[in-house]
Amino acid sequence: MTGDCDLLFVYGTLRQGCDNAQARALTEMAEWLCTAQVSGRLLKVDWYPALTQGQGTVTGDIFRLHDPQAALALLDAYEECTSDFPQPWEYRREIVSADTPEGMLRAWTYLYNRPADELPGIPGGDWLNV
């Protein structure tokens, strides 16, 4: 499931500058490259956001993973999308196209995998502005 992609797009609690254990762990496993945008909608689930496909733009950060297989295994566990968790998982990992200052890049991200019709949108699509 890792393919040949070593980039990760994050849009919520793992963003550059967020102060939590998993965000700090990500900075040890990856190098921050730039801020980027992807197509979609950013929704508020609870104290954390969700990215869904749809109209709009979501702002986040691109990281280059030092060891993609190991990093993605840890991130999959954090996002609870491994065989250790019951399905349907809340998130699923997919490759998206991210618009960066260097052009379009392919990056892994975590898309919301449950019904989202009742979740409120985050205006502007940027979790750091909530």
C-alpha atoms as a PDB file:
ATOM      1  CA  MET A   1       0.000   0.000   0.000  1.00  0.00           C
ATOM      2  CA  THR A   2       2.992   2.351   0.189  1.00  0.00           C
ATOM      3  CA  GLY A   3       3.722   2.405  -3.536  1.00  0.00           C
ATOM      4  CA  ASP A   4       6.645   4.584  -4.567  1.00  0.00           C
ATOM      5  CA  CYS A   5       5.380   7.832  -3.029  1.00  0.00           C
ATOM      6  CA  ASP A   6       7.455   9.361  -0.223  1.00  0.00           C
ATOM      7  CA  LEU A   7       5.383  12.526   0.271  1.00  0.00           C
ATOM      8  CA  LEU A   8       2.616  13.099   2.810  1.00  0.00           C
ATOM      9  CA  PHE A   9      -0.039  15.846   2.809  1.00  0.00           C
ATOM     10  CA  VAL A  10      -1.381  16.689   6.275  1.00  0.00           C
ATOM     11  CA  TYR A  11      -4.207  19.133   6.942  1.00  0.00           C
ATOM     12  CA  GLY A  12      -5.073  18.957  10.642  1.00  0.00           C
ATOM     13  CA  THR A  13      -3.457  17.991  13.923  1.00  0.00           C
ATOM     14  CA  LEU A  14      -0.240  16.878  12.183  1.00  0.00           C
ATOM     15  CA  ARG A  15       0.413  20.241  10.520  1.00  0.00           C
ATOM     16  CA  GLN A  16       3.667  22.119  10.889  1.00  0.00           C
ATOM     17  CA  GLY A  17       3.658  23.925  14.239  1.00  0.00           C
ATOM     18  CA  CYS A  18       1.005  21.757  15.913  1.00  0.00           C
ATOM     19  CA  ASP A  19       2.074  20.758  19.411  1.00  0.00           C
ATOM     20  CA  ASN A  20       1.070  17.174  20.080  1.00  0.00           C
ATOM     21  CA  ALA A  21       2.954  13.901  20.385  1.00  0.00           C
ATOM     22  CA  GLN A  22       2.115  12.622  16.899  1.00  0.00           C
ATOM     23  CA  ALA A  23       3.014  15.920  15.191  1.00  0.00           C
ATOM     24  CA  ARG A  24       6.356  15.909  17.014  1.00  0.00           C
ATOM     25  CA  ALA A  25       6.905  12.286  15.943  1.00  0.00           C
ATOM     26  CA  LEU A  26       6.198  13.248  12.328  1.00  0.00           C
ATOM     27  CA  THR A  27       8.956  15.872  12.439  1.00  0.00           C
ATOM     28  CA  GLU A  28      11.363  13.071  13.434  1.00  0.00           C
ATOM     29  CA  MET A  29      10.179  10.811  10.580  1.00  0.00           C
ATOM     30  CA  ALA A  30       9.971  13.438   7.853  1.00  0.00           C
ATOM     31  CA  GLU A  31      11.198  16.725   6.482  1.00  0.00           C
ATOM     32  CA  TRP A  32       8.719  19.589   6.054  1.00  0.00           C
ATOM     33  CA  LEU A  33       8.794  20.813   2.447  1.00  0.00           C
ATOM     34  CA  CYS A  34       6.080  23.425   1.952  1.00  0.00           C
ATOM     35  CA  THR A  35       2.501  24.519   2.395  1.00  0.00           C
ATOM     36  CA  ALA A  36       0.189  23.115  -0.280  1.00  0.00           C
ATOM     37  CA  GLN A  37      -3.447  22.892  -1.324  1.00  0.00           C
ATOM     38  CA  VAL A  38      -5.562  19.962  -2.434  1.00  0.00           C
ATOM     39  CA  SER A  39      -9.066  19.821  -3.858  1.00  0.00           C
ATOM     40  CA  GLY A  40     -11.732  18.856  -1.367  1.00  0.00           C
ATOM     41  CA  ARG A  41     -13.700  19.929   1.671  1.00  0.00           C
ATOM     42  CA  LEU A  42     -12.399  20.304   5.210  1.00  0.00           C
ATOM     43  CA  LEU A  43     -14.924  19.317   7.877  1.00  0.00           C
ATOM     44  CA  LYS A  44     -14.914  19.452  11.665  1.00  0.00           C
ATOM     45  CA  VAL A  45     -15.450  16.007  13.193  1.00  0.00           C
ATOM     46  CA  ASP A  46     -14.769  16.956  16.829  1.00  0.00           C
ATOM     47  CA  TRP A  47     -11.445  18.344  18.063  1.00  0.00           C
ATOM     48  CA  TYR A  48      -9.943  17.256  14.733  1.00  0.00           C
ATOM     49  CA  PRO A  49     -10.758  17.751  11.032  1.00  0.00           C
ATOM     50  CA  ALA A  50     -11.581  15.487   8.122  1.00  0.00           C
ATOM     51  CA  LEU A  51     -10.797  15.848   4.430  1.00  0.00           C
ATOM     52  CA  THR A  52     -13.414  14.691   1.942  1.00  0.00           C
ATOM     53  CA  GLN A  53     -13.552  14.802  -1.815  1.00  0.00           C
ATOM     54  CA  GLY A  54     -15.618  17.653  -3.177  1.00  0.00           C
ATOM     55  CA  GLN A  55     -15.644  21.260  -4.268  1.00  0.00           C
ATOM     56  CA  GLY A  56     -13.202  23.588  -2.570  1.00  0.00           C
ATOM     57  CA  THR A  57      -9.580  23.865  -1.534  1.00  0.00           C
ATOM     58  CA  VAL A  58      -7.931  22.536   1.611  1.00  0.00           C
ATOM     59  CA  THR A  59      -4.639  23.939   2.877  1.00  0.00           C
ATOM     60  CA  GLY A  60      -2.038  21.752   4.522  1.00  0.00           C
ATOM     61  CA  ASP A  61       1.624  20.823   4.610  1.00  0.00           C
ATOM     62  CA  ILE A  62       3.787  18.514   2.520  1.00  0.00           C
ATOM     63  CA  PHE A  63       6.365  16.340   4.278  1.00  0.00           C
ATOM     64  CA  ARG A  64       8.981  14.071   2.695  1.00  0.00           C
ATOM     65  CA  LEU A  65       9.058  10.795   4.642  1.00  0.00           C
ATOM     66  CA  HIS A  66      12.572   9.502   5.441  1.00  0.00           C
ATOM     67  CA  ASP A  67      11.373   5.865   5.520  1.00  0.00           C
ATOM     68  CA  PRO A  68       7.917   5.831   3.894  1.00  0.00           C
ATOM     69  CA  GLN A  69       7.037   2.247   4.784  1.00  0.00           C
ATOM     70  CA  ALA A  70       7.825   2.664   8.495  1.00  0.00           C
ATOM     71  CA  ALA A  71       6.323   6.157   8.747  1.00  0.00           C
ATOM     72  CA  LEU A  72       3.103   5.200   6.976  1.00  0.00           C
ATOM     73  CA  ALA A  73       2.697   2.141   9.206  1.00  0.00           C
ATOM     74  CA  LEU A  74       2.869   4.393  12.283  1.00  0.00           C
ATOM     75  CA  LEU A  75       0.548   6.969  10.726  1.00  0.00           C
ATOM     76  CA  ASP A  76      -1.947   4.277   9.680  1.00  0.00           C
ATOM     77  CA  ALA A  77      -2.056   3.136  13.308  1.00  0.00           C
ATOM     78  CA  TYR A  78      -2.557   6.738  14.490  1.00  0.00           C
ATOM     79  CA  GLU A  79      -5.406   7.184  11.990  1.00  0.00           C
ATOM     80  CA  GLU A  80      -6.769   3.755  13.023  1.00  0.00           C
ATOM     81  CA  CYS A  81      -6.805   2.328   9.509  1.00  0.00           C
ATOM     82  CA  THR A  82      -5.011  -0.965  10.054  1.00  0.00           C
ATOM     83  CA  SER A  83      -6.241  -4.512  10.546  1.00  0.00           C
ATOM     84  CA  ASP A  84      -5.986  -3.893  14.310  1.00  0.00           C
ATOM     85  CA  PHE A  85      -9.105  -1.712  14.125  1.00  0.00           C
ATOM     86  CA  PRO A  86     -12.696  -2.598  13.191  1.00  0.00           C
ATOM     87  CA  GLN A  87     -14.027  -1.532   9.829  1.00  0.00           C
ATOM     88  CA  PRO A  88     -15.301   0.710   8.483  1.00  0.00           C
ATOM     89  CA  TRP A  89     -12.262   2.773   9.378  1.00  0.00           C
ATOM     90  CA  GLU A  90     -12.731   6.471  10.010  1.00  0.00           C
ATOM     91  CA  TYR A  91      -9.988   7.303   7.500  1.00  0.00           C
ATOM     92  CA  ARG A  92      -8.446   5.709   4.430  1.00  0.00           C
ATOM     93  CA  ARG A  93      -5.047   6.557   2.994  1.00  0.00           C
ATOM     94  CA  GLU A  94      -4.943   7.623  -0.665  1.00  0.00           C
ATOM     95  CA  ILE A  95      -2.657   9.497  -3.010  1.00  0.00           C
ATOM     96  CA  VAL A  96      -3.841  12.988  -3.964  1.00  0.00           C
ATOM     97  CA  SER A  97      -2.484  15.760  -6.182  1.00  0.00           C
ATOM     98  CA  ALA A  98      -1.191  18.692  -4.154  1.00  0.00           C
ATOM     99  CA  ASP A  99      -0.621  22.166  -5.578  1.00  0.00           C
ATOM    100  CA  THR A 100       2.725  23.447  -4.243  1.00  0.00           C
ATOM    101  CA  PRO A 101       5.065  26.349  -5.063  1.00  0.00           C
ATOM    102  CA  GLU A 102       7.104  23.776  -7.061  1.00  0.00           C
ATOM    103  CA  GLY A 103       4.055  22.626  -9.051  1.00  0.00           C
ATOM    104  CA  MET A 104       1.753  19.643  -8.656  1.00  0.00           C
ATOM    105  CA  LEU A 105       3.047  16.796  -6.478  1.00  0.00           C
ATOM    106  CA  ARG A 106       1.576  13.395  -5.603  1.00  0.00           C
ATOM    107  CA  ALA A 107       1.286  12.782  -1.870  1.00  0.00           C
ATOM    108  CA  TRP A 108      -0.369  10.375   0.518  1.00  0.00           C
ATOM    109  CA  THR A 109      -3.140  11.776   2.684  1.00  0.00           C
ATOM    110  CA  TYR A 110      -5.933  10.477   4.885  1.00  0.00           C
ATOM    111  CA  LEU A 111      -9.476  10.938   3.554  1.00  0.00           C
ATOM    112  CA  TYR A 112     -12.539  10.679   5.768  1.00  0.00           C
ATOM    113  CA  ASN A 113     -14.205   7.318   5.218  1.00  0.00           C
ATOM    114  CA  ARG A 114     -17.577   7.750   6.928  1.00  0.00           C
ATOM    115  CA  PRO A 115     -20.779   9.650   6.113  1.00  0.00           C
ATOM    116  CA  ALA A 116     -20.008  13.355   6.330  1.00  0.00           C
ATOM    117  CA  ASP A 117     -23.272  15.082   5.370  1.00  0.00           C
ATOM    118  CA  GLU A 118     -23.949  16.257   8.929  1.00  0.00           C
ATOM    119  CA  LEU A 119     -20.419  17.507   9.670  1.00  0.00           C
ATOM    120  CA  PRO A 120     -19.870  21.283   9.615  1.00  0.00           C
ATOM    121  CA  GLY A 121     -17.487  22.703   7.049  1.00  0.00           C
ATOM    122  CA  ILE A 122     -14.407  24.675   8.011  1.00  0.00           C
ATOM    123  CA  PRO A 123     -14.559  28.029   6.195  1.00  0.00           C
ATOM    124  CA  GLY A 124     -11.460  28.721   4.133  1.00  0.00           C
ATOM    125  CA  GLY A 125     -10.322  25.094   4.314  1.00  0.00           C
ATOM    126  CA  ASP A 126      -7.452  25.785   6.736  1.00  0.00           C
ATOM    127  CA  TRP A 127      -7.433  24.026  10.132  1.00  0.00           C
ATOM    128  CA  LEU A 128      -4.850  26.491  11.484  1.00  0.00           C
ATOM    129  CA  ASN A 129      -7.392  29.311  11.094  1.00  0.00           C
ATOM    130  CA  VAL A 130     -10.077  27.603  13.200  1.00  0.00           C
END
